Amino acid sequence: MTGSVVVVAHGATVPAAAVGLLRGAAVYAASDVDASAFGVSPVPSGVSGDFVLITASVSSPEAAALVAAGARVIEAPVAPLVEAAEVMDRLRSPGGCPWDAVQTHETLRQYLVEETYELLEAIEENDREALREELGDVLLQVLFHARVAAEDAEDPFTIDDVARALTAKLVGRHPHVFADAAKVATVDQQNLRWEELKQAEKQRRSIVDGVALGQPAVALAAKLGQRSGRAGIPLDLFPAGSDPAAQLFRTAATARRTGTDPEGELRAVAKQFARDIRAAEEAARGAGVEPSTLEADGWRKFWP
């Protein structure tokens, strides 16, 4: 057999530059590829022709052998997200990591919460290096949960299913971008339209359907304040009473209606208070006073 022969190696995608080569060419899979998964055949013995190798790495043994035989090589690196998913798959598979292998959605919950808060802190501190790292840690949780879900005997799904559903959601909720719907001029209009589309899509019967009741209390109160405000529920229907809990709810819910993020603002105040405590402790030590011995007047003396 002669003519153009295209060999697709493991992990490779077909770049635009190679599309033309596929027309009229015999396409085979390299020896390190499950050929059946791609609907092609392995390279048979005795095949000759103008080989074109589409490979994830020009330094792979497969590439070296074909280059030595005169093949033209087109490098098509594995997309980093694909590579990350493959690493997660190997860690979870037999012969991988024993710790990864025994994790469940339930055991991973704490890490998802921790990594999310670490990402939040990186954003608040405007730490670009930490932001990149923490985004990766949150991505790991997504990959991990999707890999665990793929093993479910009754309702399995993969990371591709997750991405596919996300794409459909983003396109469906932006008809003014991806379809011929009327253009949205302001952020407020978009927020309202998003909620309307979400209500219709999920067939929700209540304005509080979909509110994550497990989120921190201040954030929860703020979210309920926002949702109730959009529905026109007046402030006088907020929980009554002079107890601290009712007062906190009214403060957080009302703040959110005015465009303030009470969870973020409260956290900022709390973090500043923590910094002030550290500064007072250091000032006391600088004056030869052990912070643990300070009483009210002592704290006032060293407070920044």
C-alpha atoms as a PDB file:
ATOM      1  CA  MET A   1       0.000   0.000   0.000  1.00  0.00           C
ATOM      2  CA  THR A   2       1.323   3.424  -0.869  1.00  0.00           C
ATOM      3  CA  GLY A   3       0.142   6.981  -0.551  1.00  0.00           C
ATOM      4  CA  SER A   4      -0.449   9.247   2.433  1.00  0.00           C
ATOM      5  CA  VAL A   5      -0.571   7.422   5.739  1.00  0.00           C
ATOM      6  CA  VAL A   6      -1.571   9.369   8.845  1.00  0.00           C
ATOM      7  CA  VAL A   7      -0.666   7.859  12.203  1.00  0.00           C
ATOM      8  CA  VAL A   8      -2.374   9.282  15.282  1.00  0.00           C
ATOM      9  CA  ALA A   9      -0.414   8.728  18.491  1.00  0.00           C
ATOM     10  CA  HIS A  10      -1.655   8.612  22.078  1.00  0.00           C
ATOM     11  CA  GLY A  11      -3.054  11.844  23.469  1.00  0.00           C
ATOM     12  CA  ALA A  12      -2.856  13.742  20.212  1.00  0.00           C
ATOM     13  CA  THR A  13      -5.526  15.961  18.806  1.00  0.00           C
ATOM     14  CA  VAL A  14      -5.656  16.931  15.168  1.00  0.00           C
ATOM     15  CA  PRO A  15      -4.475  20.534  14.729  1.00  0.00           C
ATOM     16  CA  ALA A  16      -5.854  22.754  12.000  1.00  0.00           C
ATOM     17  CA  ALA A  17      -2.620  22.445  10.040  1.00  0.00           C
ATOM     18  CA  ALA A  18      -3.154  18.706   9.706  1.00  0.00           C
ATOM     19  CA  VAL A  19      -6.802  18.651   8.630  1.00  0.00           C
ATOM     20  CA  GLY A  20      -5.939  18.821   4.946  1.00  0.00           C
ATOM     21  CA  LEU A  21      -3.643  15.826   5.271  1.00  0.00           C
ATOM     22  CA  LEU A  22      -6.517  13.651   6.448  1.00  0.00           C
ATOM     23  CA  ARG A  23      -8.485  14.068   3.229  1.00  0.00           C
ATOM     24  CA  GLY A  24      -7.879  11.017   1.090  1.00  0.00           C
ATOM     25  CA  ALA A  25      -5.271   9.589   3.463  1.00  0.00           C
ATOM     26  CA  ALA A  26      -5.238   6.182   5.101  1.00  0.00           C
ATOM     27  CA  VAL A  27      -5.533   6.817   8.842  1.00  0.00           C
ATOM     28  CA  TYR A  28      -4.114   4.386  11.370  1.00  0.00           C
ATOM     29  CA  ALA A  29      -3.492   4.437  15.096  1.00  0.00           C
ATOM     30  CA  ALA A  30      -0.014   4.117  16.542  1.00  0.00           C
ATOM     31  CA  SER A  31       0.889   1.074  18.620  1.00  0.00           C
ATOM     32  CA  ASP A  32       0.309   2.850  21.917  1.00  0.00           C
ATOM     33  CA  VAL A  33      -3.303   3.718  21.068  1.00  0.00           C
ATOM     34  CA  ASP A  34      -6.471   1.678  21.524  1.00  0.00           C
ATOM     35  CA  ALA A  35      -7.328   1.772  17.840  1.00  0.00           C
ATOM     36  CA  SER A  36     -10.903   0.576  18.366  1.00  0.00           C
ATOM     37  CA  ALA A  37     -11.628   3.594  20.526  1.00  0.00           C
ATOM     38  CA  PHE A  38     -11.059   5.827  17.524  1.00  0.00           C
ATOM     39  CA  GLY A  39     -12.655   3.616  14.906  1.00  0.00           C
ATOM     40  CA  VAL A  40      -9.374   3.101  13.051  1.00  0.00           C
ATOM     41  CA  SER A  41      -6.962   0.231  12.598  1.00  0.00           C
ATOM     42  CA  PRO A  42      -3.422  -0.237  13.856  1.00  0.00           C
ATOM     43  CA  VAL A  43      -0.682   0.300  11.306  1.00  0.00           C
ATOM     44  CA  PRO A  44      -0.395  -3.026   9.443  1.00  0.00           C
ATOM     45  CA  SER A  45       2.971  -4.504   8.639  1.00  0.00           C
ATOM     46  CA  GLY A  46       4.359  -3.745   5.235  1.00  0.00           C
ATOM     47  CA  VAL A  47       2.589  -0.415   4.876  1.00  0.00           C
ATOM     48  CA  SER A  48       4.604   2.132   2.963  1.00  0.00           C
ATOM     49  CA  GLY A  49       3.979   5.637   1.836  1.00  0.00           C
ATOM     50  CA  ASP A  50       4.348   9.212   2.985  1.00  0.00           C
ATOM     51  CA  PHE A  51       3.871   8.849   6.711  1.00  0.00           C
ATOM     52  CA  VAL A  52       2.470  11.751   8.682  1.00  0.00           C
ATOM     53  CA  LEU A  53       2.633  11.314  12.454  1.00  0.00           C
ATOM     54  CA  ILE A  54       0.289  13.429  14.561  1.00  0.00           C
ATOM     55  CA  THR A  55       1.717  13.004  18.037  1.00  0.00           C
ATOM     56  CA  ALA A  56       1.558  14.577  21.463  1.00  0.00           C
ATOM     57  CA  SER A  57       5.347  14.650  21.660  1.00  0.00           C
ATOM     58  CA  VAL A  58       7.957  14.617  18.923  1.00  0.00           C
ATOM     59  CA  SER A  59      10.336  12.964  21.390  1.00  0.00           C
ATOM     60  CA  SER A  60       8.142   9.880  21.846  1.00  0.00           C
ATOM     61  CA  PRO A  61       9.574   6.504  20.745  1.00  0.00           C
ATOM     62  CA  GLU A  62       6.778   6.223  18.184  1.00  0.00           C
ATOM     63  CA  ALA A  63       7.778   9.555  16.663  1.00  0.00           C
ATOM     64  CA  ALA A  64      11.477   8.705  16.635  1.00  0.00           C
ATOM     65  CA  ALA A  65      10.877   5.439  14.763  1.00  0.00           C
ATOM     66  CA  LEU A  66       8.687   7.016  12.118  1.00  0.00           C
ATOM     67  CA  VAL A  67      10.923  10.053  11.726  1.00  0.00           C
ATOM     68  CA  ALA A  68      13.814   7.684  11.108  1.00  0.00           C
ATOM     69  CA  ALA A  69      11.693   6.113   8.368  1.00  0.00           C
ATOM     70  CA  GLY A  70      11.159   9.530   6.795  1.00  0.00           C
ATOM     71  CA  ALA A  71       7.809  10.448   8.281  1.00  0.00           C
ATOM     72  CA  ARG A  72       6.626  14.008   8.494  1.00  0.00           C
ATOM     73  CA  VAL A  73       5.798  14.876  12.121  1.00  0.00           C
ATOM     74  CA  ILE A  74       3.121  17.265  13.285  1.00  0.00           C
ATOM     75  CA  GLU A  75       3.288  17.973  16.996  1.00  0.00           C
ATOM     76  CA  ALA A  76      -0.091  18.178  18.738  1.00  0.00           C
ATOM     77  CA  PRO A  77       0.496  18.397  22.500  1.00  0.00           C
ATOM     78  CA  VAL A  78      -2.120  16.975  24.820  1.00  0.00           C
ATOM     79  CA  ALA A  79      -4.360  19.757  26.122  1.00  0.00           C
ATOM     80  CA  PRO A  80      -3.420  20.434  29.773  1.00  0.00           C
ATOM     81  CA  LEU A  81      -6.982  19.772  30.951  1.00  0.00           C
ATOM     82  CA  VAL A  82      -6.981  16.417  29.161  1.00  0.00           C
ATOM     83  CA  GLU A  83      -3.625  15.557  30.693  1.00  0.00           C
ATOM     84  CA  ALA A  84      -4.910  16.495  34.160  1.00  0.00           C
ATOM     85  CA  ALA A  85      -7.909  14.198  33.697  1.00  0.00           C
ATOM     86  CA  GLU A  86      -5.604  11.361  32.572  1.00  0.00           C
ATOM     87  CA  VAL A  87      -3.404  11.839  35.650  1.00  0.00           C
ATOM     88  CA  MET A  88      -6.468  11.696  37.887  1.00  0.00           C
ATOM     89  CA  ASP A  89      -7.624   8.561  36.116  1.00  0.00           C
ATOM     90  CA  ARG A  90      -4.277   6.856  36.671  1.00  0.00           C
ATOM     91  CA  LEU A  91      -4.218   7.805  40.359  1.00  0.00           C
ATOM     92  CA  ARG A  92      -7.675   6.318  40.830  1.00  0.00           C
ATOM     93  CA  SER A  93      -7.111   3.173  38.748  1.00  0.00           C
ATOM     94  CA  PRO A  94      -5.646  -0.161  39.943  1.00  0.00           C
ATOM     95  CA  GLY A  95      -1.930   0.251  40.548  1.00  0.00           C
ATOM     96  CA  GLY A  96      -2.384   3.943  41.261  1.00  0.00           C
ATOM     97  CA  CYS A  97      -2.486   5.701  44.622  1.00  0.00           C
ATOM     98  CA  PRO A  98      -4.032   3.738  47.531  1.00  0.00           C
ATOM     99  CA  TRP A  99      -5.329   6.923  49.185  1.00  0.00           C
ATOM    100  CA  ASP A 100      -6.971   8.228  46.013  1.00  0.00           C
ATOM    101  CA  ALA A 101      -8.517   4.828  45.343  1.00  0.00           C
ATOM    102  CA  VAL A 102     -10.579   4.732  48.562  1.00  0.00           C
ATOM    103  CA  GLN A 103     -11.978   8.264  48.490  1.00  0.00           C
ATOM    104  CA  THR A 104     -15.706   8.906  48.050  1.00  0.00           C
ATOM    105  CA  HIS A 105     -17.813  11.991  47.440  1.00  0.00           C
ATOM    106  CA  GLU A 106     -18.430  12.130  51.189  1.00  0.00           C
ATOM    107  CA  THR A 107     -14.769  11.859  52.260  1.00  0.00           C
ATOM    108  CA  LEU A 108     -13.770  14.524  49.732  1.00  0.00           C
ATOM    109  CA  ARG A 109     -16.292  17.100  50.970  1.00  0.00           C
ATOM    110  CA  GLN A 110     -13.960  18.642  53.545  1.00  0.00           C
ATOM    111  CA  TYR A 111     -11.241  19.201  50.961  1.00  0.00           C
ATOM    112  CA  LEU A 112     -13.627  20.932  48.584  1.00  0.00           C
ATOM    113  CA  VAL A 113     -14.629  23.359  51.331  1.00  0.00           C
ATOM    114  CA  GLU A 114     -11.032  23.941  52.444  1.00  0.00           C
ATOM    115  CA  GLU A 115      -9.712  24.511  48.929  1.00  0.00           C
ATOM    116  CA  THR A 116     -12.562  26.874  48.123  1.00  0.00           C
ATOM    117  CA  TYR A 117     -11.797  29.028  51.155  1.00  0.00           C
ATOM    118  CA  GLU A 118      -8.084  29.012  50.315  1.00  0.00           C
ATOM    119  CA  LEU A 119      -8.973  30.234  46.817  1.00  0.00           C
ATOM    120  CA  LEU A 120     -11.180  32.908  48.333  1.00  0.00           C
ATOM    121  CA  GLU A 121      -8.310  34.086  50.533  1.00  0.00           C
ATOM    122  CA  ALA A 122      -5.965  34.255  47.535  1.00  0.00           C
ATOM    123  CA  ILE A 123      -8.496  36.457  45.745  1.00  0.00           C
ATOM    124  CA  GLU A 124      -8.925  38.713  48.762  1.00  0.00           C
ATOM    125  CA  GLU A 125      -5.169  39.049  49.210  1.00  0.00           C
ATOM    126  CA  ASN A 126      -4.671  39.653  45.462  1.00  0.00           C
ATOM    127  CA  ASP A 127      -1.956  36.981  45.487  1.00  0.00           C
ATOM    128  CA  ARG A 128      -1.543  35.968  41.857  1.00  0.00           C
ATOM    129  CA  GLU A 129       0.752  33.007  42.515  1.00  0.00           C
ATOM    130  CA  ALA A 130      -1.559  31.646  45.198  1.00  0.00           C
ATOM    131  CA  LEU A 131      -4.553  32.281  42.943  1.00  0.00           C
ATOM    132  CA  ARG A 132      -3.093  30.093  40.187  1.00  0.00           C
ATOM    133  CA  GLU A 133      -2.254  27.326  42.668  1.00  0.00           C
ATOM    134  CA  GLU A 134      -5.593  27.399  44.472  1.00  0.00           C
ATOM    135  CA  LEU A 135      -7.544  27.382  41.207  1.00  0.00           C
ATOM    136  CA  GLY A 136      -5.651  24.196  40.400  1.00  0.00           C
ATOM    137  CA  ASP A 137      -6.572  22.704  43.769  1.00  0.00           C
ATOM    138  CA  VAL A 138     -10.254  23.480  43.183  1.00  0.00           C
ATOM    139  CA  LEU A 139      -9.977  21.992  39.682  1.00  0.00           C
ATOM    140  CA  LEU A 140      -8.536  18.853  41.269  1.00  0.00           C
ATOM    141  CA  GLN A 141     -11.685  18.509  43.349  1.00  0.00           C
ATOM    142  CA  VAL A 142     -13.828  18.715  40.196  1.00  0.00           C
ATOM    143  CA  LEU A 143     -11.700  16.106  38.427  1.00  0.00           C
ATOM    144  CA  PHE A 144     -11.678  13.870  41.509  1.00  0.00           C
ATOM    145  CA  HIS A 145     -15.454  13.950  42.034  1.00  0.00           C
ATOM    146  CA  ALA A 146     -16.072  13.325  38.329  1.00  0.00           C
ATOM    147  CA  ARG A 147     -13.696  10.348  38.379  1.00  0.00           C
ATOM    148  CA  VAL A 148     -15.474   8.898  41.427  1.00  0.00           C
ATOM    149  CA  ALA A 149     -18.820   9.470  39.706  1.00  0.00           C
ATOM    150  CA  ALA A 150     -17.633   7.513  36.663  1.00  0.00           C
ATOM    151  CA  GLU A 151     -17.476   4.381  38.832  1.00  0.00           C
ATOM    152  CA  ASP A 152     -21.089   4.615  40.013  1.00  0.00           C
ATOM    153  CA  ALA A 153     -22.858   1.452  38.934  1.00  0.00           C
ATOM    154  CA  GLU A 154     -26.333   3.002  38.760  1.00  0.00           C
ATOM    155  CA  ASP A 155     -25.748   6.481  37.350  1.00  0.00           C
ATOM    156  CA  PRO A 156     -22.183   6.963  36.080  1.00  0.00           C
ATOM    157  CA  PHE A 157     -20.967  10.137  34.423  1.00  0.00           C
ATOM    158  CA  THR A 158     -17.554  11.462  33.442  1.00  0.00           C
ATOM    159  CA  ILE A 159     -15.719  14.776  33.391  1.00  0.00           C
ATOM    160  CA  ASP A 160     -16.749  15.067  29.729  1.00  0.00           C
ATOM    161  CA  ASP A 161     -20.398  14.842  30.785  1.00  0.00           C
ATOM    162  CA  VAL A 162     -19.783  17.569  33.359  1.00  0.00           C
ATOM    163  CA  ALA A 163     -18.173  19.836  30.761  1.00  0.00           C
ATOM    164  CA  ARG A 164     -20.890  19.075  28.218  1.00  0.00           C
ATOM    165  CA  ALA A 165     -23.646  19.990  30.685  1.00  0.00           C
ATOM    166  CA  LEU A 166     -21.824  23.193  31.634  1.00  0.00           C
ATOM    167  CA  THR A 167     -21.475  24.218  28.001  1.00  0.00           C
ATOM    168  CA  ALA A 168     -25.166  23.587  27.377  1.00  0.00           C
ATOM    169  CA  LYS A 169     -26.080  25.630  30.459  1.00  0.00           C
ATOM    170  CA  LEU A 170     -23.904  28.597  29.492  1.00  0.00           C
ATOM    171  CA  VAL A 171     -25.221  28.639  25.938  1.00  0.00           C
ATOM    172  CA  GLY A 172     -28.831  28.161  27.029  1.00  0.00           C
ATOM    173  CA  ARG A 173     -28.707  30.962  29.580  1.00  0.00           C
ATOM    174  CA  HIS A 174     -27.113  33.435  27.179  1.00  0.00           C
ATOM    175  CA  PRO A 175     -29.573  33.445  24.256  1.00  0.00           C
ATOM    176  CA  HIS A 176     -28.648  37.089  23.602  1.00  0.00           C
ATOM    177  CA  VAL A 177     -25.093  35.905  22.816  1.00  0.00           C
ATOM    178  CA  PHE A 178     -25.590  32.505  21.182  1.00  0.00           C
ATOM    179  CA  ALA A 179     -29.070  32.921  19.666  1.00  0.00           C
ATOM    180  CA  ASP A 180     -31.313  35.649  18.299  1.00  0.00           C
ATOM    181  CA  ALA A 181     -32.799  36.800  21.614  1.00  0.00           C
ATOM    182  CA  ALA A 182     -33.060  40.499  22.415  1.00  0.00           C
ATOM    183  CA  LYS A 183     -29.790  42.017  23.524  1.00  0.00           C
ATOM    184  CA  VAL A 184     -29.170  42.604  27.219  1.00  0.00           C
ATOM    185  CA  ALA A 185     -27.909  46.116  27.931  1.00  0.00           C
ATOM    186  CA  THR A 186     -27.139  46.058  31.665  1.00  0.00           C
ATOM    187  CA  VAL A 187     -25.893  43.712  34.358  1.00  0.00           C
ATOM    188  CA  ASP A 188     -29.190  44.065  36.242  1.00  0.00           C
ATOM    189  CA  GLN A 189     -31.124  42.984  33.154  1.00  0.00           C
ATOM    190  CA  GLN A 190     -28.819  39.999  32.744  1.00  0.00           C
ATOM    191  CA  ASN A 191     -29.232  38.977  36.403  1.00  0.00           C
ATOM    192  CA  LEU A 192     -33.015  39.129  36.057  1.00  0.00           C
ATOM    193  CA  ARG A 193     -32.962  37.218  32.770  1.00  0.00           C
ATOM    194  CA  TRP A 194     -30.611  34.586  34.240  1.00  0.00           C
ATOM    195  CA  GLU A 195     -32.997  33.946  37.136  1.00  0.00           C
ATOM    196  CA  GLU A 196     -35.996  33.744  34.796  1.00  0.00           C
ATOM    197  CA  LEU A 197     -34.241  31.227  32.539  1.00  0.00           C
ATOM    198  CA  LYS A 198     -33.080  29.212  35.543  1.00  0.00           C
ATOM    199  CA  GLN A 199     -36.595  29.127  36.994  1.00  0.00           C
ATOM    200  CA  ALA A 200     -38.027  27.897  33.697  1.00  0.00           C
ATOM    201  CA  GLU A 201     -35.197  25.436  33.070  1.00  0.00           C
ATOM    202  CA  LYS A 202     -35.385  23.798  36.479  1.00  0.00           C
ATOM    203  CA  GLN A 203     -39.171  24.193  36.812  1.00  0.00           C
ATOM    204  CA  ARG A 204     -38.779  25.676  40.271  1.00  0.00           C
ATOM    205  CA  ARG A 205     -41.906  26.368  42.273  1.00  0.00           C
ATOM    206  CA  SER A 206     -40.329  28.659  44.849  1.00  0.00           C
ATOM    207  CA  ILE A 207     -37.957  31.607  44.715  1.00  0.00           C
ATOM    208  CA  VAL A 208     -35.830  29.899  47.359  1.00  0.00           C
ATOM    209  CA  ASP A 209     -35.423  26.676  45.376  1.00  0.00           C
ATOM    210  CA  GLY A 210     -31.768  26.256  44.534  1.00  0.00           C
ATOM    211  CA  VAL A 211     -30.474  28.343  47.439  1.00  0.00           C
ATOM    212  CA  ALA A 212     -27.636  26.407  49.096  1.00  0.00           C
ATOM    213  CA  LEU A 213     -28.856  26.155  52.679  1.00  0.00           C
ATOM    214  CA  GLY A 214     -25.501  24.711  53.796  1.00  0.00           C
ATOM    215  CA  GLN A 215     -23.532  27.888  53.060  1.00  0.00           C
ATOM    216  CA  PRO A 216     -22.256  30.163  55.869  1.00  0.00           C
ATOM    217  CA  ALA A 217     -25.101  31.831  57.759  1.00  0.00           C
ATOM    218  CA  VAL A 218     -24.296  35.421  56.779  1.00  0.00           C
ATOM    219  CA  ALA A 219     -24.004  34.456  53.106  1.00  0.00           C
ATOM    220  CA  LEU A 220     -27.255  32.484  53.368  1.00  0.00           C
ATOM    221  CA  ALA A 221     -29.105  35.432  54.901  1.00  0.00           C
ATOM    222  CA  ALA A 222     -27.709  37.674  52.167  1.00  0.00           C
ATOM    223  CA  LYS A 223     -28.835  35.301  49.406  1.00  0.00           C
ATOM    224  CA  LEU A 224     -32.324  35.063  50.861  1.00  0.00           C
ATOM    225  CA  GLY A 225     -32.419  38.842  51.135  1.00  0.00           C
ATOM    226  CA  GLN A 226     -31.488  39.128  47.464  1.00  0.00           C
ATOM    227  CA  ARG A 227     -34.009  36.538  46.265  1.00  0.00           C
ATOM    228  CA  SER A 228     -36.819  37.977  48.388  1.00  0.00           C
ATOM    229  CA  GLY A 229     -36.009  41.473  47.161  1.00  0.00           C
ATOM    230  CA  ARG A 230     -36.376  40.412  43.530  1.00  0.00           C
ATOM    231  CA  ALA A 231     -39.760  38.943  44.405  1.00  0.00           C
ATOM    232  CA  GLY A 232     -40.885  42.180  46.075  1.00  0.00           C
ATOM    233  CA  ILE A 233     -41.105  40.816  49.621  1.00  0.00           C
ATOM    234  CA  PRO A 234     -41.034  43.874  51.944  1.00  0.00           C
ATOM    235  CA  LEU A 235     -38.460  44.341  54.688  1.00  0.00           C
ATOM    236  CA  ASP A 236     -41.111  44.296  57.422  1.00  0.00           C
ATOM    237  CA  LEU A 237     -41.616  40.572  56.733  1.00  0.00           C
ATOM    238  CA  PHE A 238     -38.026  39.789  57.711  1.00  0.00           C
ATOM    239  CA  PRO A 239     -37.659  37.728  60.925  1.00  0.00           C
ATOM    240  CA  ALA A 240     -38.694  39.904  63.854  1.00  0.00           C
ATOM    241  CA  GLY A 241     -37.255  40.024  67.352  1.00  0.00           C
ATOM    242  CA  SER A 242     -34.433  41.656  69.254  1.00  0.00           C
ATOM    243  CA  ASP A 243     -32.329  38.526  69.674  1.00  0.00           C
ATOM    244  CA  PRO A 244     -28.871  38.596  68.032  1.00  0.00           C
ATOM    245  CA  ALA A 245     -29.757  35.995  65.387  1.00  0.00           C
ATOM    246  CA  ALA A 246     -32.763  37.938  64.066  1.00  0.00           C
ATOM    247  CA  GLN A 247     -30.778  41.182  64.093  1.00  0.00           C
ATOM    248  CA  LEU A 248     -27.903  39.545  62.223  1.00  0.00           C
ATOM    249  CA  PHE A 249     -30.293  38.186  59.607  1.00  0.00           C
ATOM    250  CA  ARG A 250     -31.912  41.573  59.043  1.00  0.00           C
ATOM    251  CA  THR A 251     -28.526  43.281  58.790  1.00  0.00           C
ATOM    252  CA  ALA A 252     -27.117  40.760  56.285  1.00  0.00           C
ATOM    253  CA  ALA A 253     -30.269  40.474  54.176  1.00  0.00           C
ATOM    254  CA  THR A 254     -30.792  44.227  54.009  1.00  0.00           C
ATOM    255  CA  ALA A 255     -27.139  44.828  53.134  1.00  0.00           C
ATOM    256  CA  ARG A 256     -27.350  42.454  50.188  1.00  0.00           C
ATOM    257  CA  ARG A 257     -30.398  44.250  48.864  1.00  0.00           C
ATOM    258  CA  THR A 258     -28.391  47.465  48.772  1.00  0.00           C
ATOM    259  CA  GLY A 259     -25.603  45.829  46.761  1.00  0.00           C
ATOM    260  CA  THR A 260     -23.225  45.013  49.621  1.00  0.00           C
ATOM    261  CA  ASP A 261     -21.697  41.579  50.093  1.00  0.00           C
ATOM    262  CA  PRO A 262     -22.050  41.151  53.864  1.00  0.00           C
ATOM    263  CA  GLU A 263     -20.096  37.886  53.937  1.00  0.00           C
ATOM    264  CA  GLY A 264     -17.087  39.462  52.242  1.00  0.00           C
ATOM    265  CA  GLU A 265     -17.342  42.726  54.169  1.00  0.00           C
ATOM    266  CA  LEU A 266     -17.653  40.942  57.515  1.00  0.00           C
ATOM    267  CA  ARG A 267     -14.693  38.705  56.671  1.00  0.00           C
ATOM    268  CA  ALA A 268     -12.619  41.788  55.800  1.00  0.00           C
ATOM    269  CA  VAL A 269     -13.439  43.383  59.162  1.00  0.00           C
ATOM    270  CA  ALA A 270     -12.672  40.121  60.971  1.00  0.00           C
ATOM    271  CA  LYS A 271      -9.305  39.755  59.206  1.00  0.00           C
ATOM    272  CA  GLN A 272      -8.382  43.343  60.092  1.00  0.00           C
ATOM    273  CA  PHE A 273      -9.313  42.625  63.715  1.00  0.00           C
ATOM    274  CA  ALA A 274      -7.024  39.587  63.646  1.00  0.00           C
ATOM    275  CA  ARG A 275      -4.200  41.764  62.293  1.00  0.00           C
ATOM    276  CA  ASP A 276      -4.809  44.311  65.050  1.00  0.00           C
ATOM    277  CA  ILE A 277      -4.563  41.564  67.669  1.00  0.00           C
ATOM    278  CA  ARG A 278      -1.231  40.414  66.260  1.00  0.00           C
ATOM    279  CA  ALA A 279       0.045  44.002  66.183  1.00  0.00           C
ATOM    280  CA  ALA A 280      -0.945  44.577  69.823  1.00  0.00           C
ATOM    281  CA  GLU A 281       0.731  41.327  70.859  1.00  0.00           C
ATOM    282  CA  GLU A 282       3.943  42.306  69.087  1.00  0.00           C
ATOM    283  CA  ALA A 283       3.835  45.780  70.626  1.00  0.00           C
ATOM    284  CA  ALA A 284       3.422  44.260  74.071  1.00  0.00           C
ATOM    285  CA  ARG A 285       6.349  41.886  73.553  1.00  0.00           C
ATOM    286  CA  GLY A 286       8.429  44.825  72.337  1.00  0.00           C
ATOM    287  CA  ALA A 287       7.718  46.545  75.639  1.00  0.00           C
ATOM    288  CA  GLY A 288       8.704  43.435  77.569  1.00  0.00           C
ATOM    289  CA  VAL A 289       5.140  42.408  78.399  1.00  0.00           C
ATOM    290  CA  GLU A 290       3.831  38.901  77.820  1.00  0.00           C
ATOM    291  CA  PRO A 291       0.528  39.214  75.841  1.00  0.00           C
ATOM    292  CA  SER A 292      -1.118  36.436  77.842  1.00  0.00           C
ATOM    293  CA  THR A 293      -0.914  38.653  80.955  1.00  0.00           C
ATOM    294  CA  LEU A 294      -2.734  41.608  79.371  1.00  0.00           C
ATOM    295  CA  GLU A 295      -6.037  42.776  80.782  1.00  0.00           C
ATOM    296  CA  ALA A 296      -8.461  45.310  79.300  1.00  0.00           C
ATOM    297  CA  ASP A 297      -6.373  48.433  79.939  1.00  0.00           C
ATOM    298  CA  GLY A 298      -3.249  46.652  78.749  1.00  0.00           C
ATOM    299  CA  TRP A 299      -4.860  45.718  75.443  1.00  0.00           C
ATOM    300  CA  ARG A 300      -6.008  49.318  75.021  1.00  0.00           C
ATOM    301  CA  LYS A 301      -2.463  50.560  75.655  1.00  0.00           C
ATOM    302  CA  PHE A 302      -0.907  48.442  72.912  1.00  0.00           C
ATOM    303  CA  TRP A 303      -3.787  48.460  70.443  1.00  0.00           C
ATOM    304  CA  PRO A 304      -2.739  49.865  67.054  1.00  0.00           C
END
